[in-house]
Amino acid sequence: MAIASKLQEYMSEHGLRYDVLTHPHSHNSMETAQLARVPGNCLAKSVVLEDDDGFLMAVLPSTQHVQLGWLSKAMQRNLRLASEDELSALFADCEPGAVPPVGSAYGMRMVVDDTLAEQPEIYFEGGDHEKLIQMSSEDFMSMMEEAKHIRFGEHYWRH
């Protein structure tokens, strides 16, 4: 599969520079970072949430997970994870589990964890499990300019 069509169109319309990296098939963001040999804190992932007001894409480093209770409180919403069926409908041009962290390309509101802005470059899924988009942090954060910017991620514990 190629880069998701809506994502590619969005990046082209906004004149964003990026490279595409190919890696072995992966099953989750931490495995993607390992197989692609990129730092996990530079790999942005998306978690799609919802409530009665609609969908919200949370964008954060792959080394973190969403503190759902804290984020719900900060956003003054009663957020929960979107279902797989909803994700398939919303991101029809993507493989399941490979949703690009660019909600604006899909008309979706976003919240971004600002720890991503501290990285020199950002990598993210392009719509499948074998390609990553690589771009400067500056270009990536320009795609996040309409997003609410707060810190809501929590590092995974490693054993």
N, C-alpha and C. Protein backbone atom coordinates (compact mmCIF):
# COMPACT_ATOMS: atom_id res chain seq x y z
N MET A 1 0.85 -1.19 0.00
CA MET A 1 0.00 0.00 0.00
C MET A 1 0.89 1.25 0.00
N ALA A 2 0.46 2.27 -0.66
CA ALA A 2 1.19 3.53 -0.72
C ALA A 2 0.77 4.42 0.46
N ILE A 3 1.29 5.62 0.48
CA ILE A 3 0.88 6.58 1.50
C ILE A 3 -0.62 6.84 1.34
N ALA A 4 -1.32 6.97 2.45
CA ALA A 4 -2.76 7.24 2.42
C ALA A 4 -3.05 8.45 1.55
N SER A 5 -4.03 8.33 0.67
CA SER A 5 -4.31 9.38 -0.32
C SER A 5 -4.67 10.72 0.32
N LYS A 6 -5.49 10.71 1.37
CA LYS A 6 -5.85 11.98 2.03
C LYS A 6 -4.63 12.64 2.66
N LEU A 7 -3.76 11.84 3.25
CA LEU A 7 -2.54 12.37 3.86
C LEU A 7 -1.63 12.96 2.80
N GLN A 8 -1.41 12.22 1.73
CA GLN A 8 -0.53 12.69 0.67
C GLN A 8 -1.06 14.00 0.07
N GLU A 9 -2.36 14.06 -0.16
CA GLU A 9 -2.98 15.27 -0.71
C GLU A 9 -2.81 16.45 0.26
N TYR A 10 -3.03 16.21 1.54
CA TYR A 10 -2.90 17.26 2.55
C TYR A 10 -1.46 17.80 2.60
N MET A 11 -0.48 16.90 2.64
CA MET A 11 0.91 17.35 2.72
C MET A 11 1.32 18.09 1.46
N SER A 12 0.83 17.65 0.31
CA SER A 12 1.13 18.32 -0.95
C SER A 12 0.51 19.73 -0.99
N GLU A 13 -0.76 19.83 -0.58
CA GLU A 13 -1.44 21.13 -0.56
C GLU A 13 -0.75 22.13 0.34
N HIS A 14 -0.13 21.64 1.42
CA HIS A 14 0.53 22.52 2.39
C HIS A 14 2.03 22.68 2.13
N GLY A 15 2.50 22.13 1.02
CA GLY A 15 3.90 22.31 0.63
C GLY A 15 4.89 21.75 1.63
N LEU A 16 4.54 20.64 2.29
CA LEU A 16 5.42 20.06 3.30
C LEU A 16 6.45 19.14 2.66
N ARG A 17 7.67 19.26 3.13
CA ARG A 17 8.76 18.40 2.65
C ARG A 17 8.83 17.17 3.55
N TYR A 18 8.99 16.01 2.92
CA TYR A 18 9.08 14.78 3.70
C TYR A 18 9.79 13.70 2.90
N ASP A 19 10.27 12.72 3.61
CA ASP A 19 10.85 11.53 3.00
C ASP A 19 10.01 10.34 3.44
N VAL A 20 10.07 9.26 2.66
CA VAL A 20 9.36 8.03 3.00
C VAL A 20 10.40 6.96 3.27
N LEU A 21 10.31 6.35 4.45
CA LEU A 21 11.19 5.26 4.83
C LEU A 21 10.41 3.96 4.79
N THR A 22 11.02 2.91 4.29
CA THR A 22 10.39 1.60 4.28
C THR A 22 11.02 0.74 5.37
N HIS A 23 10.19 -0.06 6.04
CA HIS A 23 10.67 -0.94 7.11
C HIS A 23 9.89 -2.25 7.05
N PRO A 24 10.39 -3.30 7.70
CA PRO A 24 9.63 -4.55 7.74
C PRO A 24 8.26 -4.35 8.39
N HIS A 25 7.31 -5.18 8.02
CA HIS A 25 5.94 -5.08 8.56
C HIS A 25 5.97 -5.09 10.08
N SER A 26 5.22 -4.16 10.68
CA SER A 26 5.18 -4.06 12.15
C SER A 26 3.74 -4.13 12.63
N HIS A 27 3.59 -4.40 13.92
CA HIS A 27 2.26 -4.58 14.50
C HIS A 27 1.86 -3.49 15.49
N ASN A 28 2.81 -2.69 15.96
CA ASN A 28 2.49 -1.58 16.86
C ASN A 28 3.59 -0.53 16.75
N SER A 29 3.36 0.62 17.35
CA SER A 29 4.28 1.75 17.17
C SER A 29 5.66 1.49 17.77
N MET A 30 5.74 0.81 18.89
CA MET A 30 7.05 0.53 19.48
C MET A 30 7.85 -0.42 18.58
N GLU A 31 7.18 -1.41 18.00
CA GLU A 31 7.85 -2.32 17.08
C GLU A 31 8.26 -1.58 15.80
N THR A 32 7.42 -0.66 15.35
CA THR A 32 7.74 0.14 14.17
C THR A 32 9.03 0.91 14.40
N ALA A 33 9.14 1.58 15.55
CA ALA A 33 10.35 2.36 15.85
C ALA A 33 11.58 1.45 15.84
N GLN A 34 11.44 0.28 16.43
CA GLN A 34 12.57 -0.65 16.49
C GLN A 34 12.96 -1.14 15.10
N LEU A 35 11.99 -1.59 14.32
CA LEU A 35 12.27 -2.12 12.98
C LEU A 35 12.79 -1.05 12.02
N ALA A 36 12.28 0.17 12.18
CA ALA A 36 12.71 1.27 11.30
C ALA A 36 13.99 1.94 11.80
N ARG A 37 14.40 1.54 13.01
CA ARG A 37 15.62 2.09 13.63
C ARG A 37 15.54 3.60 13.81
N VAL A 38 14.41 4.02 14.36
CA VAL A 38 14.23 5.44 14.69
C VAL A 38 13.93 5.54 16.19
N PRO A 39 14.30 6.65 16.83
CA PRO A 39 14.01 6.80 18.25
C PRO A 39 12.51 6.81 18.51
N GLY A 40 12.06 6.04 19.47
CA GLY A 40 10.64 5.95 19.79
C GLY A 40 10.02 7.27 20.17
N ASN A 41 10.80 8.16 20.80
CA ASN A 41 10.25 9.46 21.19
C ASN A 41 10.12 10.41 20.01
N CYS A 42 10.66 10.03 18.84
CA CYS A 42 10.51 10.82 17.60
C CYS A 42 9.41 10.26 16.71
N LEU A 43 8.84 9.11 17.08
CA LEU A 43 7.78 8.49 16.30
C LEU A 43 6.44 8.93 16.87
N ALA A 44 5.71 9.73 16.10
CA ALA A 44 4.40 10.22 16.54
C ALA A 44 3.35 9.17 16.23
N LYS A 45 2.45 8.95 17.18
CA LYS A 45 1.34 8.02 16.94
C LYS A 45 0.03 8.75 17.23
N SER A 46 -1.04 8.15 16.73
CA SER A 46 -2.35 8.74 16.96
C SER A 46 -3.21 7.77 17.77
N VAL A 47 -4.00 8.32 18.64
CA VAL A 47 -5.01 7.58 19.38
C VAL A 47 -6.32 8.33 19.15
N VAL A 48 -7.28 7.66 18.52
CA VAL A 48 -8.54 8.33 18.20
C VAL A 48 -9.53 8.08 19.34
N LEU A 49 -10.03 9.18 19.86
CA LEU A 49 -10.96 9.17 20.99
C LEU A 49 -12.30 9.74 20.52
N GLU A 50 -13.33 9.51 21.32
CA GLU A 50 -14.64 10.07 20.99
C GLU A 50 -15.46 10.30 22.24
N ASP A 51 -16.48 11.12 22.07
CA ASP A 51 -17.53 11.31 23.06
C ASP A 51 -18.76 11.80 22.31
N ASP A 52 -19.75 12.29 23.01
CA ASP A 52 -20.98 12.74 22.35
C ASP A 52 -20.75 13.95 21.45
N ASP A 53 -19.63 14.66 21.62
CA ASP A 53 -19.32 15.82 20.79
C ASP A 53 -18.55 15.44 19.52
N GLY A 54 -18.19 14.18 19.37
CA GLY A 54 -17.49 13.74 18.16
C GLY A 54 -16.13 13.15 18.45
N PHE A 55 -15.30 13.11 17.42
CA PHE A 55 -14.00 12.47 17.51
C PHE A 55 -12.90 13.48 17.83
N LEU A 56 -11.85 12.98 18.45
CA LEU A 56 -10.67 13.77 18.78
C LEU A 56 -9.45 12.88 18.57
N MET A 57 -8.47 13.37 17.81
CA MET A 57 -7.24 12.62 17.62
C MET A 57 -6.19 13.14 18.59
N ALA A 58 -5.70 12.24 19.43
CA ALA A 58 -4.61 12.56 20.36
C ALA A 58 -3.30 12.13 19.68
N VAL A 59 -2.34 13.04 19.60
CA VAL A 59 -1.06 12.77 18.94
C VAL A 59 0.04 12.88 19.98
N LEU A 60 0.84 11.81 20.10
CA LEU A 60 1.88 11.77 21.12
C LEU A 60 3.00 10.83 20.69
N PRO A 61 4.16 10.88 21.38
CA PRO A 61 5.26 9.98 21.03
C PRO A 61 4.87 8.51 21.28
N SER A 62 5.46 7.61 20.49
CA SER A 62 5.15 6.19 20.63
C SER A 62 5.60 5.61 21.96
N THR A 63 6.47 6.32 22.66
CA THR A 63 6.97 5.85 23.96
C THR A 63 6.00 6.19 25.09
N GLN A 64 4.90 6.83 24.77
CA GLN A 64 3.94 7.25 25.79
C GLN A 64 2.56 6.69 25.50
N HIS A 65 1.72 6.73 26.53
CA HIS A 65 0.32 6.36 26.35
C HIS A 65 -0.53 7.51 26.87
N VAL A 66 -1.76 7.57 26.40
CA VAL A 66 -2.68 8.64 26.76
C VAL A 66 -3.19 8.43 28.19
N GLN A 67 -3.06 9.44 29.01
CA GLN A 67 -3.70 9.44 30.33
C GLN A 67 -5.14 9.90 30.09
N LEU A 68 -6.02 8.94 29.82
CA LEU A 68 -7.38 9.24 29.35
C LEU A 68 -8.17 10.08 30.36
N GLY A 69 -8.10 9.73 31.63
CA GLY A 69 -8.83 10.50 32.64
C GLY A 69 -8.36 11.94 32.71
N TRP A 70 -7.05 12.11 32.70
CA TRP A 70 -6.48 13.45 32.78
C TRP A 70 -6.83 14.25 31.54
N LEU A 71 -6.71 13.62 30.36
CA LEU A 71 -7.01 14.33 29.11
C LEU A 71 -8.49 14.70 29.04
N SER A 72 -9.36 13.79 29.46
CA SER A 72 -10.80 14.08 29.48
C SER A 72 -11.08 15.31 30.33
N LYS A 73 -10.45 15.36 31.49
CA LYS A 73 -10.64 16.49 32.40
C LYS A 73 -10.09 17.78 31.78
N ALA A 74 -8.90 17.71 31.20
CA ALA A 74 -8.28 18.90 30.60
C ALA A 74 -9.09 19.43 29.41
N MET A 75 -9.70 18.50 28.66
CA MET A 75 -10.48 18.90 27.49
C MET A 75 -11.95 19.14 27.85
N GLN A 76 -12.31 18.88 29.09
CA GLN A 76 -13.70 19.01 29.57
C GLN A 76 -14.64 18.19 28.69
N ARG A 77 -14.22 16.94 28.46
CA ARG A 77 -14.99 16.00 27.66
C ARG A 77 -14.95 14.64 28.35
N ASN A 78 -15.90 13.78 28.03
CA ASN A 78 -15.96 12.43 28.57
C ASN A 78 -15.45 11.47 27.49
N LEU A 79 -14.14 11.45 27.29
CA LEU A 79 -13.54 10.74 26.17
C LEU A 79 -13.39 9.24 26.42
N ARG A 80 -13.50 8.47 25.34
CA ARG A 80 -13.27 7.04 25.35
C ARG A 80 -12.62 6.68 24.01
N LEU A 81 -12.04 5.50 23.92
CA LEU A 81 -11.42 5.05 22.67
C LEU A 81 -12.48 4.83 21.60
N ALA A 82 -12.19 5.24 20.38
CA ALA A 82 -13.08 4.96 19.25
C ALA A 82 -12.97 3.48 18.92
N SER A 83 -14.03 2.91 18.37
CA SER A 83 -14.04 1.48 18.04
C SER A 83 -13.30 1.22 16.73
N GLU A 84 -12.89 -0.02 16.54
CA GLU A 84 -12.20 -0.41 15.30
C GLU A 84 -13.09 -0.17 14.08
N ASP A 85 -14.39 -0.43 14.20
CA ASP A 85 -15.31 -0.20 13.08
C ASP A 85 -15.35 1.28 12.71
N GLU A 86 -15.40 2.15 13.72
CA GLU A 86 -15.41 3.59 13.46
C GLU A 86 -14.12 4.02 12.79
N LEU A 87 -12.99 3.48 13.26
CA LEU A 87 -11.70 3.84 12.67
C LEU A 87 -11.62 3.40 11.20
N SER A 88 -12.13 2.21 10.91
CA SER A 88 -12.13 1.72 9.53
C SER A 88 -12.92 2.65 8.61
N ALA A 89 -14.05 3.15 9.11
CA ALA A 89 -14.87 4.06 8.31
C ALA A 89 -14.21 5.43 8.16
N LEU A 90 -13.62 5.94 9.23
CA LEU A 90 -13.00 7.27 9.21
C LEU A 90 -11.72 7.30 8.37
N PHE A 91 -10.98 6.19 8.40
CA PHE A 91 -9.68 6.14 7.73
C PHE A 91 -9.68 5.02 6.70
N ALA A 92 -10.60 5.10 5.76
CA ALA A 92 -10.79 4.06 4.75
C ALA A 92 -9.57 3.89 3.86
N ASP A 93 -8.72 4.92 3.74
CA ASP A 93 -7.53 4.82 2.89
C ASP A 93 -6.31 4.31 3.66
N CYS A 94 -6.51 3.82 4.88
CA CYS A 94 -5.42 3.33 5.73
C CYS A 94 -5.66 1.88 6.12
N GLU A 95 -4.57 1.18 6.37
CA GLU A 95 -4.68 -0.16 6.93
C GLU A 95 -5.08 -0.03 8.39
N PRO A 96 -5.84 -0.99 8.92
CA PRO A 96 -6.22 -0.94 10.34
C PRO A 96 -4.97 -0.83 11.23
N GLY A 97 -5.00 0.10 12.17
CA GLY A 97 -3.88 0.29 13.09
C GLY A 97 -2.75 1.15 12.57
N ALA A 98 -2.90 1.70 11.38
CA ALA A 98 -1.84 2.54 10.79
C ALA A 98 -2.36 3.93 10.48
N VAL A 99 -3.12 4.49 11.39
CA VAL A 99 -3.73 5.81 11.20
C VAL A 99 -2.67 6.90 11.34
N PRO A 100 -2.47 7.73 10.32
CA PRO A 100 -1.50 8.83 10.43
C PRO A 100 -1.94 9.82 11.50
N PRO A 101 -1.00 10.39 12.25
CA PRO A 101 -1.34 11.33 13.31
C PRO A 101 -1.59 12.75 12.78
N VAL A 102 -2.39 12.84 11.74
CA VAL A 102 -2.67 14.13 11.09
C VAL A 102 -4.19 14.22 10.92
N GLY A 103 -4.88 14.45 12.01
CA GLY A 103 -6.34 14.50 11.99
C GLY A 103 -6.89 15.55 11.04
N SER A 104 -6.15 16.65 10.87
CA SER A 104 -6.63 17.72 9.99
C SER A 104 -6.78 17.25 8.55
N ALA A 105 -6.03 16.23 8.13
CA ALA A 105 -6.19 15.69 6.78
C ALA A 105 -7.52 14.95 6.63
N TYR A 106 -8.13 14.61 7.76
CA TYR A 106 -9.39 13.87 7.78
C TYR A 106 -10.54 14.68 8.41
N GLY A 107 -10.31 15.99 8.56
CA GLY A 107 -11.34 16.86 9.13
C GLY A 107 -11.60 16.60 10.60
N MET A 108 -10.60 16.12 11.33
CA MET A 108 -10.77 15.75 12.73
C MET A 108 -10.01 16.71 13.64
N ARG A 109 -10.64 17.07 14.75
CA ARG A 109 -9.96 17.91 15.75
C ARG A 109 -8.82 17.11 16.39
N MET A 110 -7.80 17.83 16.83
CA MET A 110 -6.62 17.17 17.39
C MET A 110 -6.18 17.84 18.68
N VAL A 111 -5.49 17.03 19.48
CA VAL A 111 -4.74 17.52 20.63
C VAL A 111 -3.37 16.87 20.50
N VAL A 112 -2.31 17.65 20.70
CA VAL A 112 -0.96 17.13 20.52
C VAL A 112 -0.17 17.34 21.81
N ASP A 113 0.60 16.31 22.15
CA ASP A 113 1.48 16.40 23.30
C ASP A 113 2.73 17.15 22.86
N ASP A 114 3.03 18.25 23.53
CA ASP A 114 4.12 19.12 23.10
C ASP A 114 5.51 18.54 23.25
N THR A 115 5.65 17.36 23.86
CA THR A 115 6.98 16.76 23.90
C THR A 115 7.48 16.44 22.49
N LEU A 116 6.57 16.29 21.54
CA LEU A 116 6.99 16.06 20.15
C LEU A 116 7.75 17.25 19.58
N ALA A 117 7.39 18.45 20.00
CA ALA A 117 8.04 19.66 19.47
C ALA A 117 9.51 19.74 19.89
N GLU A 118 9.89 18.97 20.90
CA GLU A 118 11.27 18.98 21.40
C GLU A 118 12.21 18.14 20.54
N GLN A 119 11.66 17.38 19.59
CA GLN A 119 12.47 16.48 18.77
C GLN A 119 12.93 17.21 17.49
N PRO A 120 14.11 16.87 16.99
CA PRO A 120 14.60 17.54 15.77
C PRO A 120 13.84 17.11 14.52
N GLU A 121 13.38 15.87 14.49
CA GLU A 121 12.59 15.39 13.36
C GLU A 121 11.55 14.42 13.89
N ILE A 122 10.49 14.26 13.08
CA ILE A 122 9.36 13.42 13.47
C ILE A 122 9.13 12.37 12.39
N TYR A 123 8.79 11.18 12.85
CA TYR A 123 8.42 10.07 11.97
C TYR A 123 6.98 9.69 12.31
N PHE A 124 6.23 9.21 11.32
CA PHE A 124 4.88 8.73 11.61
C PHE A 124 4.39 7.81 10.50
N GLU A 125 3.42 6.97 10.89
CA GLU A 125 2.82 6.03 9.94
C GLU A 125 2.19 6.79 8.78
N GLY A 126 2.36 6.26 7.58
CA GLY A 126 1.80 6.91 6.40
C GLY A 126 0.51 6.27 5.91
N GLY A 127 -0.03 5.33 6.71
CA GLY A 127 -1.28 4.68 6.31
C GLY A 127 -1.17 3.17 6.15
N ASP A 128 0.08 2.66 6.27
CA ASP A 128 0.25 1.21 6.25
C ASP A 128 1.28 0.83 7.31
N HIS A 129 1.62 -0.44 7.38
CA HIS A 129 2.53 -0.91 8.41
C HIS A 129 3.95 -1.15 7.91
N GLU A 130 4.30 -0.54 6.78
CA GLU A 130 5.64 -0.75 6.22
C GLU A 130 6.31 0.53 5.75
N LYS A 131 5.64 1.67 5.93
CA LYS A 131 6.22 2.94 5.51
C LYS A 131 6.07 3.99 6.61
N LEU A 132 7.12 4.77 6.77
CA LEU A 132 7.07 5.90 7.70
C LEU A 132 7.32 7.18 6.92
N ILE A 133 6.66 8.24 7.34
CA ILE A 133 6.93 9.58 6.83
C ILE A 133 7.95 10.20 7.78
N GLN A 134 8.97 10.83 7.23
CA GLN A 134 9.98 11.54 8.02
C GLN A 134 9.94 12.99 7.61
N MET A 135 9.84 13.89 8.59
CA MET A 135 9.88 15.32 8.29
C MET A 135 10.46 16.08 9.46
N SER A 136 10.80 17.32 9.22
CA SER A 136 11.34 18.15 10.29
C SER A 136 10.25 18.38 11.34
N SER A 137 10.69 18.58 12.55
CA SER A 137 9.75 18.87 13.63
C SER A 137 8.96 20.13 13.30
N GLU A 138 9.63 21.10 12.68
CA GLU A 138 8.98 22.36 12.32
C GLU A 138 7.81 22.12 11.35
N ASP A 139 8.04 21.31 10.32
CA ASP A 139 6.97 21.01 9.36
C ASP A 139 5.86 20.20 10.03
N PHE A 140 6.25 19.23 10.85
CA PHE A 140 5.23 18.42 11.53
C PHE A 140 4.36 19.31 12.43
N MET A 141 5.00 20.17 13.21
CA MET A 141 4.24 21.02 14.13
C MET A 141 3.38 22.02 13.36
N SER A 142 3.76 22.38 12.13
CA SER A 142 2.90 23.26 11.34
C SER A 142 1.58 22.55 11.00
N MET A 143 1.61 21.21 10.89
CA MET A 143 0.37 20.47 10.66
C MET A 143 -0.47 20.40 11.93
N MET A 144 0.14 20.71 13.06
CA MET A 144 -0.55 20.65 14.35
C MET A 144 -0.99 22.03 14.84
N GLU A 145 -0.86 23.07 14.00
CA GLU A 145 -1.13 24.42 14.47
C GLU A 145 -2.57 24.64 14.90
N GLU A 146 -3.52 23.88 14.36
CA GLU A 146 -4.92 24.03 14.77
C GLU A 146 -5.25 23.16 15.99
N ALA A 147 -4.31 22.34 16.40
CA ALA A 147 -4.53 21.43 17.53
C ALA A 147 -4.37 22.16 18.85
N LYS A 148 -5.01 21.62 19.87
CA LYS A 148 -4.76 22.10 21.23
C LYS A 148 -3.44 21.48 21.66
N HIS A 149 -2.57 22.26 22.28
CA HIS A 149 -1.25 21.80 22.69
C HIS A 149 -1.18 21.71 24.21
N ILE A 150 -1.08 20.49 24.71
CA ILE A 150 -0.91 20.26 26.15
C ILE A 150 -0.07 18.99 26.33
N ARG A 151 0.39 18.76 27.52
CA ARG A 151 1.11 17.52 27.82
C ARG A 151 0.13 16.57 28.49
N PHE A 152 -0.12 15.45 27.84
CA PHE A 152 -1.10 14.50 28.36
C PHE A 152 -0.60 13.07 28.31
N GLY A 153 0.59 12.85 27.78
CA GLY A 153 1.13 11.50 27.68
C GLY A 153 1.87 11.09 28.93
N GLU A 154 1.98 9.80 29.12
CA GLU A 154 2.72 9.25 30.25
C GLU A 154 3.60 8.14 29.69
N HIS A 155 4.87 8.13 30.11
CA HIS A 155 5.79 7.10 29.60
C HIS A 155 5.37 5.72 30.05
N TYR A 156 5.56 4.78 29.13
CA TYR A 156 5.33 3.38 29.46
C TYR A 156 6.40 2.94 30.45
N TRP A 157 6.06 2.06 31.33
CA TRP A 157 7.05 1.47 32.23
C TRP A 157 7.76 0.37 31.47
N ARG A 158 9.06 0.30 31.61
CA ARG A 158 9.84 -0.74 30.94
C ARG A 158 10.39 -1.68 32.01
N HIS A 159 10.29 -2.96 31.75
CA HIS A 159 10.80 -3.96 32.68
C HIS A 159 12.13 -4.50 32.22
